[in-house]
């Protein structure tokens, strides 16, 4: 769940946040955020910064790290607003 999902703003940048989570987990073998229950997981998403992909997997390309970090922007405005912008 993207931090901005509960704020009911237009657009769909929360999908890019979810894609960032998938990329992160595929690259590292672990989720970017964790918690013992839903409340602690949501708190982690809102406050924690995931460990660097390249720190956990040194062979991962730095570009992958930059993509995931961009997708994890706390505010939806910090994430890509369209798939077209993500490939530029």
N, C-alpha and C. Protein backbone atom coordinates (compact mmCIF):
# COMPACT_ATOMS: atom_id res chain seq x y z
N UNK A 1 0.84 -1.17 0.00
CA UNK A 1 0.00 0.00 0.00
C UNK A 1 0.89 1.23 0.00
N UNK A 2 0.68 2.10 -0.94
CA UNK A 2 1.45 3.33 -1.01
C UNK A 2 1.03 4.27 0.11
N UNK A 3 1.95 5.08 0.63
CA UNK A 3 1.60 6.00 1.70
C UNK A 3 0.48 6.95 1.32
N UNK A 4 0.37 7.31 0.05
CA UNK A 4 -0.64 8.27 -0.38
C UNK A 4 -1.99 7.62 -0.69
N UNK A 5 -2.10 6.31 -0.62
CA UNK A 5 -3.34 5.62 -0.99
C UNK A 5 -4.52 6.08 -0.14
N UNK A 6 -4.32 6.25 1.13
CA UNK A 6 -5.40 6.65 2.02
C UNK A 6 -5.81 8.09 1.88
N UNK A 7 -5.11 8.86 1.09
CA UNK A 7 -5.43 10.28 0.96
C UNK A 7 -6.41 10.57 -0.17
N UNK A 8 -6.77 9.55 -0.94
CA UNK A 8 -7.80 9.64 -1.98
C UNK A 8 -7.54 10.73 -3.01
N UNK A 9 -6.31 10.82 -3.49
CA UNK A 9 -6.00 11.77 -4.56
C UNK A 9 -6.17 11.08 -5.90
N UNK A 10 -6.30 11.88 -6.93
CA UNK A 10 -6.49 11.33 -8.26
C UNK A 10 -5.23 10.67 -8.79
N UNK A 11 -5.37 10.00 -9.94
CA UNK A 11 -4.23 9.36 -10.57
C UNK A 11 -3.98 7.97 -10.02
N UNK A 12 -2.90 7.36 -10.47
CA UNK A 12 -2.61 6.01 -10.02
C UNK A 12 -1.14 5.79 -9.71
N UNK A 13 -0.41 6.78 -9.15
CA UNK A 13 0.99 6.55 -8.81
C UNK A 13 1.18 5.47 -7.75
N UNK A 14 0.12 5.10 -7.03
CA UNK A 14 0.25 4.02 -6.06
C UNK A 14 0.57 2.70 -6.76
N UNK A 15 0.22 2.59 -8.02
CA UNK A 15 0.59 1.37 -8.77
C UNK A 15 2.10 1.29 -8.95
N UNK A 16 2.74 2.42 -9.12
CA UNK A 16 4.19 2.43 -9.27
C UNK A 16 4.87 2.08 -7.93
N UNK A 17 4.26 2.49 -6.83
CA UNK A 17 4.77 2.10 -5.52
C UNK A 17 4.71 0.58 -5.40
N UNK A 18 3.58 0.00 -5.78
CA UNK A 18 3.44 -1.46 -5.71
C UNK A 18 4.44 -2.15 -6.63
N UNK A 19 4.67 -1.60 -7.80
CA UNK A 19 5.66 -2.17 -8.72
C UNK A 19 7.06 -2.08 -8.09
N UNK A 20 7.34 -0.99 -7.42
CA UNK A 20 8.61 -0.86 -6.71
C UNK A 20 8.78 -1.93 -5.66
N UNK A 21 7.70 -2.25 -4.96
CA UNK A 21 7.75 -3.32 -3.96
C UNK A 21 8.08 -4.67 -4.61
N UNK A 22 7.47 -4.94 -5.74
CA UNK A 22 7.72 -6.19 -6.46
C UNK A 22 9.17 -6.25 -6.95
N UNK A 23 9.64 -5.17 -7.54
CA UNK A 23 11.03 -5.12 -8.01
C UNK A 23 11.98 -5.35 -6.85
N UNK A 24 11.74 -4.68 -5.74
CA UNK A 24 12.61 -4.80 -4.57
C UNK A 24 12.65 -6.25 -4.08
N UNK A 25 11.48 -6.86 -3.95
CA UNK A 25 11.42 -8.23 -3.45
C UNK A 25 12.05 -9.22 -4.43
N UNK A 26 11.87 -9.00 -5.72
CA UNK A 26 12.49 -9.89 -6.70
C UNK A 26 14.02 -9.78 -6.64
N UNK A 27 14.52 -8.58 -6.41
CA UNK A 27 15.97 -8.35 -6.40
C UNK A 27 16.63 -8.81 -5.10
N UNK A 28 15.91 -8.69 -3.98
CA UNK A 28 16.53 -8.97 -2.69
C UNK A 28 16.04 -10.25 -2.02
N UNK A 29 14.89 -10.75 -2.44
CA UNK A 29 14.32 -11.93 -1.80
C UNK A 29 13.57 -11.63 -0.52
N UNK A 30 13.36 -10.35 -0.24
CA UNK A 30 12.60 -9.97 0.96
C UNK A 30 11.80 -8.72 0.67
N UNK A 31 10.69 -8.53 1.37
CA UNK A 31 9.88 -7.34 1.12
C UNK A 31 10.60 -6.09 1.63
N UNK A 32 10.30 -4.94 1.03
CA UNK A 32 10.96 -3.71 1.46
C UNK A 32 10.51 -3.23 2.84
N UNK A 33 9.31 -3.59 3.22
CA UNK A 33 8.75 -3.18 4.51
C UNK A 33 8.20 -4.41 5.21
N UNK A 34 8.31 -4.44 6.52
CA UNK A 34 7.75 -5.57 7.25
C UNK A 34 7.18 -5.09 8.58
N UNK A 35 6.31 -5.91 9.13
CA UNK A 35 5.70 -5.63 10.42
C UNK A 35 5.09 -6.89 10.97
N UNK A 36 4.91 -6.93 12.27
CA UNK A 36 4.34 -8.11 12.91
C UNK A 36 2.84 -8.23 12.68
N UNK A 37 2.20 -7.11 12.38
CA UNK A 37 0.76 -7.11 12.10
C UNK A 37 0.49 -5.98 11.10
N UNK A 38 -0.75 -5.83 10.70
CA UNK A 38 -1.08 -4.83 9.68
C UNK A 38 -0.74 -3.41 10.14
N UNK A 39 -1.03 -3.11 11.39
CA UNK A 39 -0.77 -1.76 11.89
C UNK A 39 0.73 -1.45 11.85
N UNK A 40 1.56 -2.39 12.27
CA UNK A 40 3.01 -2.13 12.25
C UNK A 40 3.55 -2.11 10.82
N UNK A 41 2.96 -2.87 9.92
CA UNK A 41 3.35 -2.83 8.52
C UNK A 41 3.02 -1.47 7.91
N UNK A 42 1.83 -0.97 8.17
CA UNK A 42 1.45 0.35 7.67
C UNK A 42 2.35 1.43 8.25
N UNK A 43 2.67 1.32 9.54
CA UNK A 43 3.58 2.29 10.16
C UNK A 43 4.95 2.25 9.49
N UNK A 44 5.43 1.05 9.16
CA UNK A 44 6.72 0.93 8.49
C UNK A 44 6.68 1.56 7.11
N UNK A 45 5.61 1.36 6.37
CA UNK A 45 5.47 1.95 5.04
C UNK A 45 5.49 3.48 5.13
N UNK A 46 4.85 4.00 6.17
CA UNK A 46 4.76 5.46 6.31
C UNK A 46 6.03 6.10 6.85
N UNK A 47 6.85 5.34 7.57
CA UNK A 47 7.99 5.96 8.25
C UNK A 47 9.36 5.38 7.91
N UNK A 48 9.43 4.14 7.52
CA UNK A 48 10.72 3.49 7.33
C UNK A 48 11.27 3.69 5.91
N UNK A 49 12.56 3.62 5.80
CA UNK A 49 13.23 3.64 4.50
C UNK A 49 13.81 2.24 4.30
N UNK A 50 13.45 1.57 3.19
CA UNK A 50 13.96 0.22 2.98
C UNK A 50 15.48 0.21 2.83
N UNK A 51 16.09 -0.90 3.19
CA UNK A 51 17.52 -1.08 2.98
C UNK A 51 17.81 -0.97 1.50
N UNK A 52 18.97 -0.52 1.17
CA UNK A 52 19.39 -0.38 -0.21
C UNK A 52 19.43 -1.76 -0.90
N UNK A 53 18.91 -1.83 -2.10
CA UNK A 53 18.96 -3.07 -2.88
C UNK A 53 20.41 -3.49 -3.08
N UNK A 54 21.25 -2.53 -3.44
CA UNK A 54 22.65 -2.85 -3.72
C UNK A 54 23.41 -3.22 -2.44
N UNK A 55 22.93 -2.80 -1.29
CA UNK A 55 23.54 -3.21 -0.03
C UNK A 55 23.22 -4.68 0.26
N UNK A 56 21.98 -5.07 -0.05
CA UNK A 56 21.56 -6.45 0.19
C UNK A 56 22.03 -7.39 -0.92
N UNK A 57 22.09 -6.88 -2.14
CA UNK A 57 22.52 -7.66 -3.30
C UNK A 57 23.54 -6.83 -4.08
N UNK A 58 24.82 -6.93 -3.73
CA UNK A 58 25.84 -6.09 -4.37
C UNK A 58 25.92 -6.24 -5.89
N UNK A 59 25.47 -7.35 -6.43
CA UNK A 59 25.52 -7.55 -7.87
C UNK A 59 24.37 -6.86 -8.61
N UNK A 60 23.40 -6.34 -7.87
CA UNK A 60 22.27 -5.66 -8.50
C UNK A 60 22.75 -4.36 -9.14
N UNK A 61 22.24 -4.04 -10.32
CA UNK A 61 22.67 -2.81 -10.98
C UNK A 61 22.19 -1.57 -10.22
N UNK A 62 23.03 -0.55 -10.12
CA UNK A 62 22.63 0.69 -9.43
C UNK A 62 21.37 1.32 -10.02
N UNK A 63 21.15 1.14 -11.32
CA UNK A 63 19.94 1.70 -11.95
C UNK A 63 18.68 1.09 -11.35
N UNK A 64 18.74 -0.18 -10.99
CA UNK A 64 17.59 -0.84 -10.36
C UNK A 64 17.29 -0.19 -9.02
N UNK A 65 18.32 0.14 -8.28
CA UNK A 65 18.17 0.84 -7.01
C UNK A 65 17.48 2.19 -7.21
N UNK A 66 17.91 2.94 -8.22
CA UNK A 66 17.32 4.25 -8.48
C UNK A 66 15.85 4.13 -8.87
N UNK A 67 15.53 3.13 -9.67
CA UNK A 67 14.13 2.93 -10.08
C UNK A 67 13.27 2.62 -8.86
N UNK A 68 13.70 1.70 -8.02
CA UNK A 68 12.92 1.32 -6.84
C UNK A 68 12.75 2.51 -5.91
N UNK A 69 13.81 3.27 -5.68
CA UNK A 69 13.73 4.42 -4.78
C UNK A 69 12.75 5.47 -5.32
N UNK A 70 12.75 5.68 -6.61
CA UNK A 70 11.82 6.63 -7.22
C UNK A 70 10.38 6.15 -7.02
N UNK A 71 10.16 4.85 -7.13
CA UNK A 71 8.82 4.30 -6.96
C UNK A 71 8.36 4.32 -5.50
N UNK A 72 9.31 4.41 -4.56
CA UNK A 72 8.96 4.44 -3.15
C UNK A 72 8.76 5.85 -2.62
N UNK A 73 8.67 6.84 -3.48
CA UNK A 73 8.46 8.21 -3.01
C UNK A 73 7.30 8.28 -2.03
N UNK A 74 7.50 9.00 -0.93
CA UNK A 74 6.47 9.07 0.12
C UNK A 74 5.19 9.72 -0.40
N UNK A 75 5.35 10.81 -1.13
CA UNK A 75 4.19 11.49 -1.71
C UNK A 75 4.03 11.03 -3.15
N UNK A 76 2.80 10.95 -3.60
CA UNK A 76 2.56 10.47 -4.97
C UNK A 76 3.24 11.37 -5.99
N UNK A 77 3.42 12.66 -5.67
CA UNK A 77 4.07 13.57 -6.61
C UNK A 77 5.54 13.22 -6.80
N UNK A 78 6.14 12.51 -5.85
CA UNK A 78 7.54 12.12 -5.96
C UNK A 78 7.73 10.91 -6.86
N UNK A 79 6.66 10.15 -7.09
CA UNK A 79 6.74 8.97 -7.94
C UNK A 79 6.39 9.36 -9.37
N UNK A 80 6.74 8.49 -10.31
CA UNK A 80 6.37 8.75 -11.68
C UNK A 80 4.85 8.82 -11.78
N UNK A 81 4.39 9.68 -12.66
CA UNK A 81 2.96 9.86 -12.83
C UNK A 81 2.41 9.06 -14.00
N UNK A 82 3.32 8.51 -14.82
CA UNK A 82 2.87 7.72 -15.95
C UNK A 82 3.99 6.74 -16.33
N UNK A 83 3.62 5.69 -17.02
CA UNK A 83 4.62 4.72 -17.48
C UNK A 83 5.56 5.37 -18.49
N UNK A 84 5.06 6.32 -19.24
CA UNK A 84 5.90 7.00 -20.23
C UNK A 84 7.05 7.73 -19.54
N UNK A 85 6.80 8.38 -18.41
CA UNK A 85 7.85 9.10 -17.70
C UNK A 85 8.87 8.15 -17.06
N UNK A 86 8.44 6.95 -16.74
CA UNK A 86 9.35 6.02 -16.07
C UNK A 86 10.44 5.49 -17.00
N UNK A 87 10.24 5.56 -18.31
CA UNK A 87 11.24 5.06 -19.24
C UNK A 87 12.08 6.17 -19.85
N UNK A 88 11.83 7.40 -19.47
CA UNK A 88 12.61 8.53 -20.02
C UNK A 88 13.89 8.72 -19.24
